Amino acid sequence: MPHCLIDPTDDALPVEAVRKDAFESWLKDQSDSVKNWLNASGFKGKGGTCALLPSDEGVAGAVYIVGGNDDRGGPWAWSSLYTGLSDGTYWVTTELEPDDAYDLALGFALASYRFDIYRSSDDQEDEVASKLLVWPENCDVDAVRGAFGATKLVRDLINTPASDLGPAELTQAAKDLAEASGAAYAEVVGVDLIRENFPA
């Protein structure tokens, strides 16, 4: 489960999502203080960049320029939002189409991935997600959870050293996935490999 995605909350800070080609138009509509702040901080509105906006109390919110330097779409157009934000809880105020809402949520979740299977459960509990995003409206939550869970499993398997991921461990991972998904599972071991014509 992507722990960085949460239900709506009153203390979430607003994030405006702006397409690269709409940044100059967006900037013209901002207050002088915002314009001066972005200019002083050297923010150029490049794709995949994020700028925190100040308030008297600290951070008022943020603006995120959708897309990377290579203009890839999908979740990767949104993944830099996670790294660009400071610790806190945020929600994207821009109205998004369902596909964009899905890409936003999945990109944010994937950017939060950490390989932590060697950390104790106590350590993992101590490190609560420090950057949280409210689930965007029009988002297929189940689809995001499924895609994130599948990607996390693959990343964990890839990152596990070969000394800890031999045939038995990989078999167990496949069995666990089948059982969790309600799928059929069969295992061929030992001399049964010959009988089933798996001579290698």
C-alpha atoms as a PDB file:
ATOM      1  CA  MET A   1       0.000   0.000   0.000  1.00  0.00           C
ATOM      2  CA  PRO A   2       1.370   3.466  -0.802  1.00  0.00           C
ATOM      3  CA  HIS A   3       1.515   4.993   2.678  1.00  0.00           C
ATOM      4  CA  CYS A   4       2.223   8.455   1.250  1.00  0.00           C
ATOM      5  CA  LEU A   5      -1.309   8.739  -0.186  1.00  0.00           C
ATOM      6  CA  ILE A   6      -4.055   9.626   2.275  1.00  0.00           C
ATOM      7  CA  ASP A   7      -7.701  10.601   2.525  1.00  0.00           C
ATOM      8  CA  PRO A   8      -8.638  14.316   2.497  1.00  0.00           C
ATOM      9  CA  THR A   9      -7.576  16.332   5.530  1.00  0.00           C
ATOM     10  CA  ASP A  10      -8.065  19.965   6.542  1.00  0.00           C
ATOM     11  CA  ASP A  11      -4.370  20.702   7.047  1.00  0.00           C
ATOM     12  CA  ALA A  12      -3.214  19.860   3.508  1.00  0.00           C
ATOM     13  CA  LEU A  13      -1.316  22.585   1.658  1.00  0.00           C
ATOM     14  CA  PRO A  14      -2.395  23.403  -1.924  1.00  0.00           C
ATOM     15  CA  VAL A  15      -0.302  22.514  -4.956  1.00  0.00           C
ATOM     16  CA  GLU A  16      -1.077  23.991  -8.348  1.00  0.00           C
ATOM     17  CA  ALA A  17      -0.158  21.764 -11.278  1.00  0.00           C
ATOM     18  CA  VAL A  18       0.833  23.777 -14.354  1.00  0.00           C
ATOM     19  CA  ARG A  19       1.802  22.482 -17.781  1.00  0.00           C
ATOM     20  CA  LYS A  20       5.134  23.726 -19.093  1.00  0.00           C
ATOM     21  CA  ASP A  21       3.598  25.645 -21.978  1.00  0.00           C
ATOM     22  CA  ALA A  22       1.151  27.367 -19.603  1.00  0.00           C
ATOM     23  CA  PHE A  23       3.685  28.541 -17.021  1.00  0.00           C
ATOM     24  CA  GLU A  24       4.182  32.070 -18.365  1.00  0.00           C
ATOM     25  CA  SER A  25       0.432  32.606 -18.526  1.00  0.00           C
ATOM     26  CA  TRP A  26       0.039  31.249 -14.981  1.00  0.00           C
ATOM     27  CA  LEU A  27       2.813  33.476 -13.699  1.00  0.00           C
ATOM     28  CA  LYS A  28       1.164  36.639 -15.063  1.00  0.00           C
ATOM     29  CA  ASP A  29      -1.880  35.975 -12.887  1.00  0.00           C
ATOM     30  CA  GLN A  30       0.137  35.671  -9.670  1.00  0.00           C
ATOM     31  CA  SER A  31       0.666  38.358  -7.051  1.00  0.00           C
ATOM     32  CA  ASP A  32       3.796  40.494  -7.079  1.00  0.00           C
ATOM     33  CA  SER A  33       5.061  38.711  -3.977  1.00  0.00           C
ATOM     34  CA  VAL A  34       4.835  35.313  -5.686  1.00  0.00           C
ATOM     35  CA  LYS A  35       6.486  36.648  -8.853  1.00  0.00           C
ATOM     36  CA  ASN A  36       9.298  38.216  -6.821  1.00  0.00           C
ATOM     37  CA  TRP A  37       9.768  35.047  -4.778  1.00  0.00           C
ATOM     38  CA  LEU A  38      10.013  32.788  -7.828  1.00  0.00           C
ATOM     39  CA  ASN A  39      12.338  35.214  -9.586  1.00  0.00           C
ATOM     40  CA  ALA A  40      14.595  35.529  -6.525  1.00  0.00           C
ATOM     41  CA  SER A  41      14.739  31.747  -6.116  1.00  0.00           C
ATOM     42  CA  GLY A  42      15.678  31.259  -9.775  1.00  0.00           C
ATOM     43  CA  PHE A  43      12.603  29.215 -10.644  1.00  0.00           C
ATOM     44  CA  LYS A  44      12.308  28.950 -14.437  1.00  0.00           C
ATOM     45  CA  GLY A  45       9.206  26.792 -14.810  1.00  0.00           C
ATOM     46  CA  LYS A  46      10.998  23.828 -16.333  1.00  0.00           C
ATOM     47  CA  GLY A  47       9.158  20.529 -16.586  1.00  0.00           C
ATOM     48  CA  GLY A  48       9.448  18.326 -13.534  1.00  0.00           C
ATOM     49  CA  THR A  49      10.368  21.172 -11.165  1.00  0.00           C
ATOM     50  CA  CYS A  50       8.581  22.300  -8.041  1.00  0.00           C
ATOM     51  CA  ALA A  51       8.660  25.560  -6.122  1.00  0.00           C
ATOM     52  CA  LEU A  52       7.456  26.027  -2.568  1.00  0.00           C
ATOM     53  CA  LEU A  53       5.503  29.238  -2.032  1.00  0.00           C
ATOM     54  CA  PRO A  54       6.001  31.189   1.198  1.00  0.00           C
ATOM     55  CA  SER A  55       3.581  32.533   3.766  1.00  0.00           C
ATOM     56  CA  ASP A  56       4.049  34.426   7.018  1.00  0.00           C
ATOM     57  CA  GLU A  57       3.759  31.099   8.866  1.00  0.00           C
ATOM     58  CA  GLY A  58       6.116  29.156   6.585  1.00  0.00           C
ATOM     59  CA  VAL A  59       5.018  27.286   3.464  1.00  0.00           C
ATOM     60  CA  ALA A  60       1.776  28.409   1.831  1.00  0.00           C
ATOM     61  CA  GLY A  61       1.767  25.720  -0.846  1.00  0.00           C
ATOM     62  CA  ALA A  62       3.605  24.912  -4.043  1.00  0.00           C
ATOM     63  CA  VAL A  63       3.521  25.043  -7.812  1.00  0.00           C
ATOM     64  CA  TYR A  64       4.584  22.022  -9.860  1.00  0.00           C
ATOM     65  CA  ILE A  65       5.437  22.079 -13.540  1.00  0.00           C
ATOM     66  CA  VAL A  66       4.153  18.863 -15.046  1.00  0.00           C
ATOM     67  CA  GLY A  67       6.542  16.818 -17.166  1.00  0.00           C
ATOM     68  CA  GLY A  68      10.241  16.144 -17.324  1.00  0.00           C
ATOM     69  CA  ASN A  69      12.933  17.465 -19.608  1.00  0.00           C
ATOM     70  CA  ASP A  70      12.225  14.726 -22.143  1.00  0.00           C
ATOM     71  CA  ASP A  71       8.469  15.369 -22.054  1.00  0.00           C
ATOM     72  CA  ARG A  72       7.635  11.822 -21.032  1.00  0.00           C
ATOM     73  CA  GLY A  73       4.071  11.441 -19.916  1.00  0.00           C
ATOM     74  CA  GLY A  74       2.575   8.945 -17.533  1.00  0.00           C
ATOM     75  CA  PRO A  75       3.553   8.657 -13.870  1.00  0.00           C
ATOM     76  CA  TRP A  76       7.065   9.926 -14.570  1.00  0.00           C
ATOM     77  CA  ALA A  77       5.662  13.334 -15.517  1.00  0.00           C
ATOM     78  CA  TRP A  78       4.588  13.628 -11.856  1.00  0.00           C
ATOM     79  CA  SER A  79       7.230  11.733  -9.901  1.00  0.00           C
ATOM     80  CA  SER A  80       9.469  14.775  -9.307  1.00  0.00           C
ATOM     81  CA  LEU A  81       6.684  16.338  -7.253  1.00  0.00           C
ATOM     82  CA  TYR A  82       7.592  14.042  -4.355  1.00  0.00           C
ATOM     83  CA  THR A  83      11.237  15.107  -4.262  1.00  0.00           C
ATOM     84  CA  GLY A  84      10.402  18.775  -4.785  1.00  0.00           C
ATOM     85  CA  LEU A  85       8.163  19.127  -1.740  1.00  0.00           C
ATOM     86  CA  SER A  86       9.249  19.679   1.834  1.00  0.00           C
ATOM     87  CA  ASP A  87       7.864  17.513   4.621  1.00  0.00           C
ATOM     88  CA  GLY A  88       4.140  18.031   5.043  1.00  0.00           C
ATOM     89  CA  THR A  89       0.721  17.147   3.683  1.00  0.00           C
ATOM     90  CA  TYR A  90      -0.390  18.410   0.268  1.00  0.00           C
ATOM     91  CA  TRP A  91      -3.259  18.228  -2.195  1.00  0.00           C
ATOM     92  CA  VAL A  92      -3.261  19.114  -5.882  1.00  0.00           C
ATOM     93  CA  THR A  93      -5.953  21.728  -6.418  1.00  0.00           C
ATOM     94  CA  THR A  94      -5.863  21.580 -10.215  1.00  0.00           C
ATOM     95  CA  GLU A  95      -8.770  19.689 -11.753  1.00  0.00           C
ATOM     96  CA  LEU A  96      -7.381  16.618 -13.483  1.00  0.00           C
ATOM     97  CA  GLU A  97      -8.708  14.098 -15.953  1.00  0.00           C
ATOM     98  CA  PRO A  98      -8.897  10.524 -14.565  1.00  0.00           C
ATOM     99  CA  ASP A  99      -5.751   9.452 -16.462  1.00  0.00           C
ATOM    100  CA  ASP A 100      -3.772  12.389 -15.079  1.00  0.00           C
ATOM    101  CA  ALA A 101      -5.090  11.776 -11.559  1.00  0.00           C
ATOM    102  CA  TYR A 102      -3.943   8.145 -11.820  1.00  0.00           C
ATOM    103  CA  ASP A 103      -0.512   9.191 -13.135  1.00  0.00           C
ATOM    104  CA  LEU A 104      -0.140  11.775 -10.361  1.00  0.00           C
ATOM    105  CA  ALA A 105      -0.947   9.325  -7.569  1.00  0.00           C
ATOM    106  CA  LEU A 106       1.167   6.499  -8.991  1.00  0.00           C
ATOM    107  CA  GLY A 107       4.114   8.763  -9.818  1.00  0.00           C
ATOM    108  CA  PHE A 108       4.094  10.247  -6.315  1.00  0.00           C
ATOM    109  CA  ALA A 109       3.889   6.779  -4.733  1.00  0.00           C
ATOM    110  CA  LEU A 110       6.664   5.320  -6.885  1.00  0.00           C
ATOM    111  CA  ALA A 111       8.943   8.239  -6.027  1.00  0.00           C
ATOM    112  CA  SER A 112       8.436   7.449  -2.338  1.00  0.00           C
ATOM    113  CA  TYR A 113       9.681   3.850  -2.730  1.00  0.00           C
ATOM    114  CA  ARG A 114      12.350   2.697  -0.289  1.00  0.00           C
ATOM    115  CA  PHE A 115      14.018  -0.727  -0.126  1.00  0.00           C
ATOM    116  CA  ASP A 116      13.419  -1.583   3.510  1.00  0.00           C
ATOM    117  CA  ILE A 117      13.105  -5.363   3.827  1.00  0.00           C
ATOM    118  CA  TYR A 118      16.271  -5.507   5.971  1.00  0.00           C
ATOM    119  CA  ARG A 119      15.013  -2.877   8.378  1.00  0.00           C
ATOM    120  CA  SER A 120      13.285  -3.930  11.552  1.00  0.00           C
ATOM    121  CA  SER A 121       9.560  -3.346  11.858  1.00  0.00           C
ATOM    122  CA  ASP A 122      10.293  -0.864  14.653  1.00  0.00           C
ATOM    123  CA  ASP A 123      12.571   1.156  12.372  1.00  0.00           C
ATOM    124  CA  GLN A 124       9.945   1.158   9.642  1.00  0.00           C
ATOM    125  CA  GLU A 125       7.252   2.324  12.054  1.00  0.00           C
ATOM    126  CA  ASP A 126       9.505   5.123  13.306  1.00  0.00           C
ATOM    127  CA  GLU A 127       9.978   6.410   9.751  1.00  0.00           C
ATOM    128  CA  VAL A 128       6.445   7.479   8.967  1.00  0.00           C
ATOM    129  CA  ALA A 129       6.029   8.979   5.510  1.00  0.00           C
ATOM    130  CA  SER A 130       7.100  12.599   5.863  1.00  0.00           C
ATOM    131  CA  LYS A 131       5.552  13.738   2.569  1.00  0.00           C
ATOM    132  CA  LEU A 132       1.871  12.984   2.166  1.00  0.00           C
ATOM    133  CA  LEU A 133      -0.476  13.607  -0.736  1.00  0.00           C
ATOM    134  CA  VAL A 134      -4.258  13.557  -0.592  1.00  0.00           C
ATOM    135  CA  TRP A 135      -5.676  11.132  -3.136  1.00  0.00           C
ATOM    136  CA  PRO A 136      -6.572  13.242  -6.194  1.00  0.00           C
ATOM    137  CA  GLU A 137     -10.184  13.422  -7.272  1.00  0.00           C
ATOM    138  CA  ASN A 138     -11.170  11.278 -10.269  1.00  0.00           C
ATOM    139  CA  CYS A 139      -8.430   8.801  -9.326  1.00  0.00           C
ATOM    140  CA  ASP A 140      -8.894   5.033  -9.645  1.00  0.00           C
ATOM    141  CA  VAL A 141      -7.548   4.219  -6.178  1.00  0.00           C
ATOM    142  CA  ASP A 142      -7.649   0.433  -6.629  1.00  0.00           C
ATOM    143  CA  ALA A 143      -5.732   0.663  -9.905  1.00  0.00           C
ATOM    144  CA  VAL A 144      -3.019   2.792  -8.274  1.00  0.00           C
ATOM    145  CA  ARG A 145      -2.727   0.407  -5.331  1.00  0.00           C
ATOM    146  CA  GLY A 146      -2.417  -2.557  -7.686  1.00  0.00           C
ATOM    147  CA  ALA A 147       0.202  -0.929  -9.912  1.00  0.00           C
ATOM    148  CA  PHE A 148       2.213   0.317  -6.940  1.00  0.00           C
ATOM    149  CA  GLY A 149       2.085  -3.052  -5.189  1.00  0.00           C
ATOM    150  CA  ALA A 150       3.236  -4.886  -8.305  1.00  0.00           C
ATOM    151  CA  THR A 151       6.060  -2.425  -8.963  1.00  0.00           C
ATOM    152  CA  LYS A 152       7.188  -2.492  -5.336  1.00  0.00           C
ATOM    153  CA  LEU A 153       7.316  -6.294  -5.373  1.00  0.00           C
ATOM    154  CA  VAL A 154       9.453  -6.301  -8.524  1.00  0.00           C
ATOM    155  CA  ARG A 155      11.767  -3.613  -7.166  1.00  0.00           C
ATOM    156  CA  ASP A 156      12.171  -5.483  -3.879  1.00  0.00           C
ATOM    157  CA  LEU A 157      13.049  -8.699  -5.724  1.00  0.00           C
ATOM    158  CA  ILE A 158      15.555  -6.903  -7.954  1.00  0.00           C
ATOM    159  CA  ASN A 159      17.180  -5.157  -4.994  1.00  0.00           C
ATOM    160  CA  THR A 160      17.474  -8.307  -2.883  1.00  0.00           C
ATOM    161  CA  PRO A 161      21.011  -9.744  -3.062  1.00  0.00           C
ATOM    162  CA  ALA A 162      21.355 -13.077  -4.854  1.00  0.00           C
ATOM    163  CA  SER A 163      22.606 -14.616  -1.614  1.00  0.00           C
ATOM    164  CA  ASP A 164      19.129 -14.052  -0.161  1.00  0.00           C
ATOM    165  CA  LEU A 165      17.079 -14.720  -3.295  1.00  0.00           C
ATOM    166  CA  GLY A 166      17.783 -18.203  -4.566  1.00  0.00           C
ATOM    167  CA  PRO A 167      15.278 -20.540  -6.257  1.00  0.00           C
ATOM    168  CA  ALA A 168      13.555 -21.385  -2.962  1.00  0.00           C
ATOM    169  CA  GLU A 169      13.048 -17.744  -2.015  1.00  0.00           C
ATOM    170  CA  LEU A 170      11.853 -16.763  -5.489  1.00  0.00           C
ATOM    171  CA  THR A 171       9.480 -19.722  -5.430  1.00  0.00           C
ATOM    172  CA  GLN A 172       8.090 -18.557  -2.102  1.00  0.00           C
ATOM    173  CA  ALA A 173       7.590 -15.038  -3.478  1.00  0.00           C
ATOM    174  CA  ALA A 174       5.603 -16.468  -6.402  1.00  0.00           C
ATOM    175  CA  LYS A 175       3.553 -18.657  -4.039  1.00  0.00           C
ATOM    176  CA  ASP A 176       2.797 -15.714  -1.739  1.00  0.00           C
ATOM    177  CA  LEU A 177       1.687 -13.600  -4.693  1.00  0.00           C
ATOM    178  CA  ALA A 178      -0.566 -16.359  -6.027  1.00  0.00           C
ATOM    179  CA  GLU A 179      -2.194 -16.898  -2.640  1.00  0.00           C
ATOM    180  CA  ALA A 180      -2.708 -13.169  -2.076  1.00  0.00           C
ATOM    181  CA  SER A 181      -4.267 -12.828  -5.532  1.00  0.00           C
ATOM    182  CA  GLY A 182      -6.459 -15.937  -5.372  1.00  0.00           C
ATOM    183  CA  ALA A 183      -4.557 -17.452  -8.289  1.00  0.00           C
ATOM    184  CA  ALA A 184      -3.789 -21.112  -8.969  1.00  0.00           C
ATOM    185  CA  TYR A 185      -0.268 -22.198  -8.070  1.00  0.00           C
ATOM    186  CA  ALA A 186       1.769 -25.276  -8.995  1.00  0.00           C
ATOM    187  CA  GLU A 187       5.357 -26.191  -8.191  1.00  0.00           C
ATOM    188  CA  VAL A 188       7.590 -28.725  -9.936  1.00  0.00           C
ATOM    189  CA  VAL A 189      10.556 -29.895  -7.838  1.00  0.00           C
ATOM    190  CA  GLY A 190      13.297 -32.511  -7.954  1.00  0.00           C
ATOM    191  CA  VAL A 191      12.818 -35.574 -10.161  1.00  0.00           C
ATOM    192  CA  ASP A 192       9.406 -34.255 -11.151  1.00  0.00           C
ATOM    193  CA  LEU A 193      11.284 -31.805 -13.361  1.00  0.00           C
ATOM    194  CA  ILE A 194      12.388 -34.723 -15.536  1.00  0.00           C
ATOM    195  CA  ARG A 195       8.934 -36.274 -15.553  1.00  0.00           C
ATOM    196  CA  GLU A 196       7.422 -32.948 -16.617  1.00  0.00           C
ATOM    197  CA  ASN A 197      10.072 -32.569 -19.378  1.00  0.00           C
ATOM    198  CA  PHE A 198      12.080 -29.775 -17.744  1.00  0.00           C
ATOM    199  CA  PRO A 199      15.524 -31.410 -18.209  1.00  0.00           C
ATOM    200  CA  ALA A 200      17.511 -28.226 -17.619  1.00  0.00           C
END
